[in-house]
C-alpha atoms as a PDB file:
ATOM      1  CA  MET A   1       0.000   0.000   0.000  1.00  0.00           C
ATOM      2  CA  PRO A   2       2.017   3.028  -1.206  1.00  0.00           C
ATOM      3  CA  TRP A   3       1.759   6.232   0.795  1.00  0.00           C
ATOM      4  CA  GLN A   4       1.050   8.298  -2.349  1.00  0.00           C
ATOM      5  CA  GLU A   5      -2.521   6.967  -2.797  1.00  0.00           C
ATOM      6  CA  CYS A   6      -3.829   9.399  -0.186  1.00  0.00           C
ATOM      7  CA  SER A   7      -2.503  11.991   2.222  1.00  0.00           C
ATOM      8  CA  LYS A   8       0.079  11.070   4.818  1.00  0.00           C
ATOM      9  CA  VAL A   9      -2.285  12.060   7.612  1.00  0.00           C
ATOM     10  CA  GLU A  10      -4.958   9.647   6.377  1.00  0.00           C
ATOM     11  CA  GLU A  11      -2.428   6.826   6.014  1.00  0.00           C
ATOM     12  CA  ARG A  12      -1.192   7.367   9.555  1.00  0.00           C
ATOM     13  CA  MET A  13      -4.754   7.359  10.844  1.00  0.00           C
ATOM     14  CA  ARG A  14      -5.459   4.042   9.099  1.00  0.00           C
ATOM     15  CA  PHE A  15      -2.212   2.608  10.400  1.00  0.00           C
ATOM     16  CA  VAL A  16      -3.004   3.514  14.028  1.00  0.00           C
ATOM     17  CA  ALA A  17      -6.649   2.436  13.702  1.00  0.00           C
ATOM     18  CA  ARG A  18      -5.646  -1.051  12.603  1.00  0.00           C
ATOM     19  CA  LEU A  19      -3.004  -1.148  15.317  1.00  0.00           C
ATOM     20  CA  LEU A  20      -5.637  -0.337  17.938  1.00  0.00           C
ATOM     21  CA  GLU A  21      -7.804  -3.140  16.586  1.00  0.00           C
ATOM     22  CA  GLY A  22      -5.104  -5.598  17.623  1.00  0.00           C
ATOM     23  CA  GLU A  23      -3.061  -6.168  14.470  1.00  0.00           C
ATOM     24  CA  LYS A  24       0.672  -6.759  14.906  1.00  0.00           C
ATOM     25  CA  MET A  25       3.115  -3.879  14.522  1.00  0.00           C
ATOM     26  CA  ALA A  26       5.563  -5.865  12.365  1.00  0.00           C
ATOM     27  CA  VAL A  27       2.848  -7.023   9.944  1.00  0.00           C
ATOM     28  CA  LEU A  28       1.410  -3.530   9.535  1.00  0.00           C
ATOM     29  CA  CYS A  29       4.841  -1.967   9.003  1.00  0.00           C
ATOM     30  CA  ARG A  30       5.546  -4.416   6.156  1.00  0.00           C
ATOM     31  CA  GLU A  31       2.167  -3.708   4.578  1.00  0.00           C
ATOM     32  CA  PHE A  32       2.544   0.082   4.833  1.00  0.00           C
ATOM     33  CA  ASP A  33       6.195  -0.176   3.712  1.00  0.00           C
ATOM     34  CA  ILE A  34       7.652   1.616   6.729  1.00  0.00           C
ATOM     35  CA  SER A  35      10.214   0.628   9.321  1.00  0.00           C
ATOM     36  CA  ARG A  36       9.127  -0.504  12.761  1.00  0.00           C
ATOM     37  CA  LYS A  37      10.947   2.498  14.212  1.00  0.00           C
ATOM     38  CA  THR A  38       8.703   4.782  12.139  1.00  0.00           C
ATOM     39  CA  GLY A  39       5.640   2.751  13.099  1.00  0.00           C
ATOM     40  CA  TYR A  40       6.359   3.097  16.813  1.00  0.00           C
ATOM     41  CA  LYS A  41       7.048   6.814  16.346  1.00  0.00           C
ATOM     42  CA  ILE A  42       3.658   7.349  14.654  1.00  0.00           C
ATOM     43  CA  PHE A  43       1.883   5.416  17.402  1.00  0.00           C
ATOM     44  CA  GLN A  44       3.718   7.325  20.154  1.00  0.00           C
ATOM     45  CA  ARG A  45       2.789  10.664  18.584  1.00  0.00           C
ATOM     46  CA  TYR A  46      -0.841   9.556  18.539  1.00  0.00           C
ATOM     47  CA  LYS A  47      -0.680   8.619  22.248  1.00  0.00           C
ATOM     48  CA  ASP A  48       0.980  11.946  23.120  1.00  0.00           C
ATOM     49  CA  SER A  49      -1.060  14.348  20.960  1.00  0.00           C
ATOM     50  CA  GLY A  50      -4.059  12.451  19.594  1.00  0.00           C
ATOM     51  CA  ILE A  51      -5.091  13.212  16.012  1.00  0.00           C
ATOM     52  CA  LYS A  52      -2.843  16.301  15.977  1.00  0.00           C
ATOM     53  CA  GLY A  53       0.129  13.956  16.198  1.00  0.00           C
ATOM     54  CA  PHE A  54      -0.540  12.732  12.640  1.00  0.00           C
ATOM     55  CA  SER A  55       0.414  16.084  11.091  1.00  0.00           C
ATOM     56  CA  ASP A  56       3.936  16.707   9.839  1.00  0.00           C
ATOM     57  CA  ARG A  57       6.192  18.514  12.255  1.00  0.00           C
ATOM     58  CA  SER A  58       8.660  21.267  11.523  1.00  0.00           C
ATOM     59  CA  ARG A  59      12.191  20.155  10.733  1.00  0.00           C
ATOM     60  CA  ARG A  60      13.582  23.160  12.545  1.00  0.00           C
ATOM     61  CA  PRO A  61      16.133  22.071  15.171  1.00  0.00           C
ATOM     62  CA  TYR A  62      14.583  21.507  18.575  1.00  0.00           C
ATOM     63  CA  ARG A  63      17.511  23.278  20.216  1.00  0.00           C
ATOM     64  CA  HIS A  64      20.475  25.298  19.026  1.00  0.00           C
ATOM     65  CA  ALA A  65      23.967  25.023  20.464  1.00  0.00           C
ATOM     66  CA  ASN A  66      24.176  28.760  21.189  1.00  0.00           C
ATOM     67  CA  GLN A  67      20.511  29.306  22.006  1.00  0.00           C
ATOM     68  CA  LEU A  68      19.872  31.541  24.986  1.00  0.00           C
ATOM     69  CA  PRO A  69      17.807  30.156  27.853  1.00  0.00           C
ATOM     70  CA  PHE A  70      14.118  31.015  27.593  1.00  0.00           C
ATOM     71  CA  GLN A  71      14.213  33.221  30.701  1.00  0.00           C
ATOM     72  CA  ILE A  72      17.118  35.323  29.341  1.00  0.00           C
ATOM     73  CA  GLU A  73      15.280  35.809  26.040  1.00  0.00           C
ATOM     74  CA  THR A  74      12.197  36.956  27.955  1.00  0.00           C
ATOM     75  CA  LEU A  75      14.301  39.431  29.940  1.00  0.00           C
ATOM     76  CA  ILE A  76      15.859  40.888  26.802  1.00  0.00           C
ATOM     77  CA  VAL A  77      12.453  41.368  25.165  1.00  0.00           C
ATOM     78  CA  ARG A  78      11.078  42.998  28.318  1.00  0.00           C
ATOM     79  CA  LEU A  79      14.065  45.366  28.581  1.00  0.00           C
ATOM     80  CA  ARG A  80      13.736  46.326  24.924  1.00  0.00           C
ATOM     81  CA  LYS A  81      10.103  47.295  25.523  1.00  0.00           C
ATOM     82  CA  GLU A  82      10.854  49.227  28.732  1.00  0.00           C
ATOM     83  CA  TYR A  83      13.936  50.991  27.346  1.00  0.00           C
ATOM     84  CA  PRO A  84      13.525  51.295  23.543  1.00  0.00           C
ATOM     85  CA  THR A  85      16.473  53.672  23.234  1.00  0.00           C
ATOM     86  CA  TRP A  86      18.963  51.368  24.960  1.00  0.00           C
ATOM     87  CA  GLY A  87      21.631  49.614  22.951  1.00  0.00           C
ATOM     88  CA  ALA A  88      23.273  46.239  23.502  1.00  0.00           C
ATOM     89  CA  PRO A  89      25.878  47.426  26.082  1.00  0.00           C
ATOM     90  CA  LYS A  90      23.248  48.898  28.434  1.00  0.00           C
ATOM     91  CA  ILE A  91      20.981  45.854  28.110  1.00  0.00           C
ATOM     92  CA  ARG A  92      23.936  43.536  28.762  1.00  0.00           C
ATOM     93  CA  GLU A  93      24.859  45.479  31.904  1.00  0.00           C
ATOM     94  CA  LYS A  94      21.252  45.406  33.109  1.00  0.00           C
ATOM     95  CA  LEU A  95      21.116  41.634  32.545  1.00  0.00           C
ATOM     96  CA  ARG A  96      24.206  41.150  34.697  1.00  0.00           C
ATOM     97  CA  ARG A  97      22.372  42.771  37.602  1.00  0.00           C
ATOM     98  CA  LEU A  98      19.028  41.031  37.025  1.00  0.00           C
ATOM     99  CA  ALA A  99      19.817  37.513  35.821  1.00  0.00           C
ATOM    100  CA  HIS A 100      20.459  35.518  38.982  1.00  0.00           C
ATOM    101  CA  PHE A 101      20.076  32.141  37.240  1.00  0.00           C
ATOM    102  CA  GLY A 102      21.269  31.039  33.823  1.00  0.00           C
ATOM    103  CA  ASP A 103      18.282  28.751  33.244  1.00  0.00           C
ATOM    104  CA  HIS A 104      15.199  27.327  34.925  1.00  0.00           C
ATOM    105  CA  LEU A 105      16.884  24.105  36.078  1.00  0.00           C
ATOM    106  CA  THR A 106      19.124  25.780  38.659  1.00  0.00           C
ATOM    107  CA  ALA A 107      16.226  27.367  40.530  1.00  0.00           C
ATOM    108  CA  ALA A 108      14.031  24.279  40.091  1.00  0.00           C
ATOM    109  CA  VAL A 109      16.662  21.948  41.573  1.00  0.00           C
ATOM    110  CA  ILE A 110      17.201  24.178  44.620  1.00  0.00           C
ATOM    111  CA  VAL A 111      13.452  24.415  45.284  1.00  0.00           C
ATOM    112  CA  SER A 112      12.993  20.649  44.881  1.00  0.00           C
ATOM    113  CA  LEU A 113      15.887  19.822  47.197  1.00  0.00           C
ATOM    114  CA  ASN A 114      14.435  22.024  49.930  1.00  0.00           C
ATOM    115  CA  THR A 115      10.718  21.233  49.579  1.00  0.00           C
ATOM    116  CA  GLY A 116      10.575  17.642  48.308  1.00  0.00           C
ATOM    117  CA  ILE A 117       7.679  18.373  45.940  1.00  0.00           C
ATOM    118  CA  ARG A 118       7.244  16.171  42.871  1.00  0.00           C
ATOM    119  CA  ARG A 119       8.199  17.297  39.366  1.00  0.00           C
ATOM    120  CA  GLY A 120       4.560  17.527  38.274  1.00  0.00           C
ATOM    121  CA  GLU A 121       3.704  19.571  41.368  1.00  0.00           C
ATOM    122  CA  LEU A 122       6.667  21.854  40.686  1.00  0.00           C
ATOM    123  CA  LEU A 123       5.714  22.525  37.060  1.00  0.00           C
ATOM    124  CA  ALA A 124       2.059  23.165  38.013  1.00  0.00           C
ATOM    125  CA  LEU A 125       3.066  25.656  40.718  1.00  0.00           C
ATOM    126  CA  LYS A 126       1.791  29.212  40.236  1.00  0.00           C
ATOM    127  CA  TRP A 127       3.018  32.373  41.915  1.00  0.00           C
ATOM    128  CA  ALA A 128      -0.416  32.664  43.518  1.00  0.00           C
ATOM    129  CA  ASP A 129       0.442  29.443  45.396  1.00  0.00           C
ATOM    130  CA  VAL A 130       3.685  30.880  46.793  1.00  0.00           C
ATOM    131  CA  ASN A 131       3.585  33.001  49.944  1.00  0.00           C
ATOM    132  CA  LEU A 132       7.060  34.482  50.240  1.00  0.00           C
ATOM    133  CA  GLU A 133       6.135  36.590  53.260  1.00  0.00           C
ATOM    134  CA  GLY A 134       4.620  33.654  55.137  1.00  0.00           C
ATOM    135  CA  LEU A 135       7.402  31.336  53.881  1.00  0.00           C
ATOM    136  CA  GLN A 136       5.003  28.715  52.542  1.00  0.00           C
ATOM    137  CA  LEU A 137       3.920  27.249  49.224  1.00  0.00           C
ATOM    138  CA  THR A 138       0.682  25.411  48.490  1.00  0.00           C
ATOM    139  CA  VAL A 139       0.506  22.243  46.414  1.00  0.00           C
ATOM    140  CA  ASN A 140      -3.004  22.118  44.986  1.00  0.00           C
ATOM    141  CA  GLY A 141      -4.866  18.830  44.984  1.00  0.00           C
ATOM    142  CA  ASN A 142      -5.364  18.865  41.210  1.00  0.00           C
ATOM    143  CA  SER A 143      -1.588  18.533  40.719  1.00  0.00           C
ATOM    144  CA  ALA A 144      -0.834  16.335  43.759  1.00  0.00           C
ATOM    145  CA  LYS A 145      -0.515  12.581  43.288  1.00  0.00           C
ATOM    146  CA  ASN A 146      -3.030  11.708  46.013  1.00  0.00           C
ATOM    147  CA  GLY A 147      -5.378  14.577  45.132  1.00  0.00           C
ATOM    148  CA  ASN A 148      -4.970  16.310  48.509  1.00  0.00           C
ATOM    149  CA  THR A 149      -3.917  19.925  48.909  1.00  0.00           C
ATOM    150  CA  ARG A 150      -0.988  20.442  51.275  1.00  0.00           C
ATOM    151  CA  HIS A 151       1.123  23.336  52.527  1.00  0.00           C
ATOM    152  CA  VAL A 152       4.906  23.096  52.447  1.00  0.00           C
ATOM    153  CA  PRO A 153       7.032  25.515  54.528  1.00  0.00           C
ATOM    154  CA  LEU A 154       9.959  27.256  52.850  1.00  0.00           C
ATOM    155  CA  ASN A 155      13.372  27.353  54.471  1.00  0.00           C
ATOM    156  CA  SER A 156      15.697  30.297  53.904  1.00  0.00           C
ATOM    157  CA  ASP A 157      17.427  28.697  50.901  1.00  0.00           C
ATOM    158  CA  ALA A 158      14.182  27.940  49.064  1.00  0.00           C
ATOM    159  CA  ALA A 159      12.675  31.337  49.913  1.00  0.00           C
ATOM    160  CA  ARG A 160      15.750  33.231  48.692  1.00  0.00           C
ATOM    161  CA  THR A 161      15.794  31.246  45.442  1.00  0.00           C
ATOM    162  CA  LEU A 162      12.117  31.908  44.748  1.00  0.00           C
ATOM    163  CA  LYS A 163      12.479  35.625  45.494  1.00  0.00           C
ATOM    164  CA  LEU A 164      15.369  35.998  43.043  1.00  0.00           C
ATOM    165  CA  TRP A 165      13.600  33.802  40.474  1.00  0.00           C
ATOM    166  CA  LYS A 166      10.461  35.937  40.713  1.00  0.00           C
ATOM    167  CA  LEU A 167      12.487  39.050  39.908  1.00  0.00           C
ATOM    168  CA  GLN A 168      13.954  37.268  36.895  1.00  0.00           C
ATOM    169  CA  CYS A 169      10.586  35.896  35.649  1.00  0.00           C
ATOM    170  CA  LYS A 170       8.415  38.942  36.044  1.00  0.00           C
ATOM    171  CA  ASP A 171       4.759  38.980  34.931  1.00  0.00           C
ATOM    172  CA  GLN A 172       4.400  35.223  34.510  1.00  0.00           C
ATOM    173  CA  GLU A 173       1.630  33.134  36.038  1.00  0.00           C
ATOM    174  CA  ARG A 174       3.565  29.915  36.562  1.00  0.00           C
ATOM    175  CA  VAL A 175       6.701  29.707  38.665  1.00  0.00           C
ATOM    176  CA  PHE A 176       8.509  27.653  36.006  1.00  0.00           C
ATOM    177  CA  PRO A 177       6.883  28.506  32.634  1.00  0.00           C
ATOM    178  CA  VAL A 178       9.140  26.260  30.570  1.00  0.00           C
ATOM    179  CA  THR A 179       8.325  25.984  26.878  1.00  0.00           C
ATOM    180  CA  THR A 180      10.846  23.261  26.105  1.00  0.00           C
ATOM    181  CA  SER A 181      10.764  19.760  27.507  1.00  0.00           C
ATOM    182  CA  PHE A 182      11.744  19.761  31.158  1.00  0.00           C
ATOM    183  CA  LYS A 183      12.726  16.102  30.926  1.00  0.00           C
ATOM    184  CA  THR A 184      14.979  16.718  27.899  1.00  0.00           C
ATOM    185  CA  ALA A 185      16.801  19.591  29.610  1.00  0.00           C
ATOM    186  CA  TRP A 186      17.341  17.408  32.692  1.00  0.00           C
ATOM    187  CA  LYS A 187      18.803  14.572  30.604  1.00  0.00           C
ATOM    188  CA  GLU A 188      21.162  16.971  28.839  1.00  0.00           C
ATOM    189  CA  LEU A 189      22.314  18.342  32.198  1.00  0.00           C
ATOM    190  CA  LEU A 190      23.077  14.831  33.507  1.00  0.00           C
ATOM    191  CA  LEU A 191      24.998  13.992  30.337  1.00  0.00           C
ATOM    192  CA  ALA A 192      27.054  17.181  30.632  1.00  0.00           C
ATOM    193  CA  ALA A 193      27.802  16.433  34.297  1.00  0.00           C
ATOM    194  CA  LYS A 194      28.514  12.740  33.493  1.00  0.00           C
ATOM    195  CA  ILE A 195      25.956  11.557  36.057  1.00  0.00           C
ATOM    196  CA  ALA A 196      24.223   8.253  35.367  1.00  0.00           C
ATOM    197  CA  LYS A 197      21.045   6.688  36.785  1.00  0.00           C
ATOM    198  CA  PHE A 198      19.833   9.792  38.625  1.00  0.00           C
ATOM    199  CA  ARG A 199      16.166  10.742  38.262  1.00  0.00           C
ATOM    200  CA  TRP A 200      14.438  13.990  39.154  1.00  0.00           C
ATOM    201  CA  HIS A 201      12.466  12.006  41.748  1.00  0.00           C
ATOM    202  CA  ASP A 202      15.764  11.238  43.525  1.00  0.00           C
ATOM    203  CA  LEU A 203      15.832  14.889  44.646  1.00  0.00           C
ATOM    204  CA  ARG A 204      12.680  14.081  46.619  1.00  0.00           C
ATOM    205  CA  HIS A 205      14.350  11.024  48.165  1.00  0.00           C
ATOM    206  CA  HIS A 206      17.323  13.186  49.124  1.00  0.00           C
ATOM    207  CA  PHE A 207      14.998  15.676  50.811  1.00  0.00           C
ATOM    208  CA  ALA A 208      13.361  12.922  52.896  1.00  0.00           C
ATOM    209  CA  SER A 209      16.708  11.326  53.768  1.00  0.00           C
ATOM    210  CA  ARG A 210      18.129  14.585  55.105  1.00  0.00           C
ATOM    211  CA  LEU A 211      15.038  15.156  57.248  1.00  0.00           C
ATOM    212  CA  VAL A 212      15.294  11.720  58.866  1.00  0.00           C
ATOM    213  CA  GLN A 213      19.033  12.138  59.428  1.00  0.00           C
ATOM    214  CA  ALA A 214      18.238  15.401  61.216  1.00  0.00           C
ATOM    215  CA  SER A 215      15.986  13.461  63.654  1.00  0.00           C
ATOM    216  CA  VAL A 216      12.734  14.822  62.185  1.00  0.00           C
ATOM    217  CA  PRO A 217       9.811  12.530  63.222  1.00  0.00           C
ATOM    218  CA  LEU A 218       8.522  10.229  60.496  1.00  0.00           C
ATOM    219  CA  ASN A 219       4.998  11.664  60.875  1.00  0.00           C
ATOM    220  CA  THR A 220       6.351  15.096  59.966  1.00  0.00           C
ATOM    221  CA  VAL A 221       8.269  13.629  57.010  1.00  0.00           C
ATOM    222  CA  ARG A 222       5.056  11.976  55.844  1.00  0.00           C
ATOM    223  CA  ASP A 223       3.147  15.272  55.981  1.00  0.00           C
ATOM    224  CA  LEU A 224       5.864  17.172  54.106  1.00  0.00           C
ATOM    225  CA  LEU A 225       6.037  14.543  51.355  1.00  0.00           C
ATOM    226  CA  GLY A 226       2.260  14.379  51.040  1.00  0.00           C
ATOM    227  CA  HIS A 227       1.895  10.663  51.798  1.00  0.00           C
ATOM    228  CA  SER A 228      -1.303   9.323  53.309  1.00  0.00           C
ATOM    229  CA  SER A 229       0.384   6.612  55.426  1.00  0.00           C
ATOM    230  CA  LEU A 230       3.690   5.883  57.114  1.00  0.00           C
ATOM    231  CA  ALA A 231       4.491   3.023  54.742  1.00  0.00           C
ATOM    232  CA  MET A 232       6.538   5.190  52.372  1.00  0.00           C
ATOM    233  CA  PRO A 233       8.416   7.292  54.985  1.00  0.00           C
ATOM    234  CA  LEU A 234       9.362   4.088  56.841  1.00  0.00           C
ATOM    235  CA  ARG A 235      11.793   3.379  53.991  1.00  0.00           C
ATOM    236  CA  TYR A 236      13.999   6.132  55.420  1.00  0.00           C
ATOM    237  CA  ALA A 237      13.790   4.959  59.043  1.00  0.00           C
ATOM    238  CA  HIS A 238      17.203   3.257  58.884  1.00  0.00           C
ATOM    239  CA  LEU A 239      18.809   6.671  58.324  1.00  0.00           C
ATOM    240  CA  ALA A 240      17.621   8.037  61.664  1.00  0.00           C
ATOM    241  CA  PRO A 241      20.141   8.351  64.496  1.00  0.00           C
ATOM    242  CA  ASP A 242      20.242   5.073  66.430  1.00  0.00           C
ATOM    243  CA  PRO A 243      19.024   5.615  70.043  1.00  0.00           C
ATOM    244  CA  LYS A 244      20.543   2.277  71.094  1.00  0.00           C
ATOM    245  CA  ARG A 245      23.990   3.382  70.022  1.00  0.00           C
ATOM    246  CA  GLU A 246      23.539   6.654  71.888  1.00  0.00           C
ATOM    247  CA  ALA A 247      22.423   4.712  74.972  1.00  0.00           C
ATOM    248  CA  VAL A 248      25.536   2.511  75.153  1.00  0.00           C
ATOM    249  CA  GLU A 249      27.755   5.528  74.509  1.00  0.00           C
ATOM    250  CA  ARG A 250      26.375   7.084  77.686  1.00  0.00           C
ATOM    251  CA  LEU A 251      28.017   4.260  79.657  1.00  0.00           C
ATOM    252  CA  LEU A 252      31.396   5.699  78.776  1.00  0.00           C
ATOM    253  CA  THR A 253      30.310   9.106  80.041  1.00  0.00           C
ATOM    254  CA  VAL A 254      29.196   7.603  83.342  1.00  0.00           C
ATOM    255  CA  GLU A 255      32.467   5.670  83.750  1.00  0.00           C
ATOM    256  CA  VAL A 256      34.536   8.778  83.107  1.00  0.00           C
ATOM    257  CA  ALA A 257      32.480  10.742  85.620  1.00  0.00           C
ATOM    258  CA  LEU A 258      32.898   8.054  88.295  1.00  0.00           C
ATOM    259  CA  HIS A 259      36.616   7.835  87.635  1.00  0.00           C
ATOM    260  CA  ASP A 260      37.058  11.590  88.018  1.00  0.00           C
ATOM    261  CA  GLN A 261      35.263  11.777  91.379  1.00  0.00           C
ATOM    262  CA  PRO A 262      37.644  12.439  94.303  1.00  0.00           C
ATOM    263  CA  ARG A 263      38.129   9.505  96.660  1.00  0.00           C
ATOM    264  CA  HIS A 264      37.953  10.193 100.425  1.00  0.00           C
ATOM    265  CA  LYS A 265      40.065   8.126 102.774  1.00  0.00           C
ATOM    266  CA  ARG A 266      38.392   6.717 105.855  1.00  0.00           C
ATOM    267  CA  THR A 267      39.804   7.938 109.207  1.00  0.00           C
ATOM    268  CA  ARG A 268      39.579   6.036 112.448  1.00  0.00           C
ATOM    269  CA  ASN A 269      38.034   7.733 115.421  1.00  0.00           C
END
């Protein structure tokens, strides 16, 4: 069945329709004269975007080697509107004073490490959910995994990062309004740093581990992570300071204290 008999969009729709009916991928790819790699790509685009995924996509490069981060581009456009008479030197000097972060990942990593919120919760976060004066952010139930709204306190590191990031991303509804794939940028960062087998979710595990190591009760860890039971936080229980070890160490303190006590000689009357 050559592709030229009808439009490419129609052929892709027929291909996916027969695939959904239960026909084998390999058989369909031979019939439609396409590779299995192309067949899986068409099916994945349908799962990601529905019927819109059947349309041809632009061949323009997804990223450019020297492309500025989205936030820096937004700053430059905003400065050009506010100061139309400024040239490149003045705008460059203004950017040096305003741009606290080179890209969105730096601020996002710091916030995740200090709040433990999930990636989906982070990307759904709006500035209306962030109370910088009260040092608290709100994770809405529609973005939380268990559907429950929770309030997460901000420590000084997270609060400072969000304050600087807000200055850099002025007049935007979402805290991290990324237009490119967050997952792709994260993978590129790990490749550049030569870090293997490290997921974004591991930042959440690191947050919980540090809390337990700091002797924070597991109930509090559960509430901060947004879990409904203690089953998940119990995975970090082995990281808590061992009270048994502290108990036997006290024996040494008692022995030293007894040894240092002055001894009084008995005198006969």
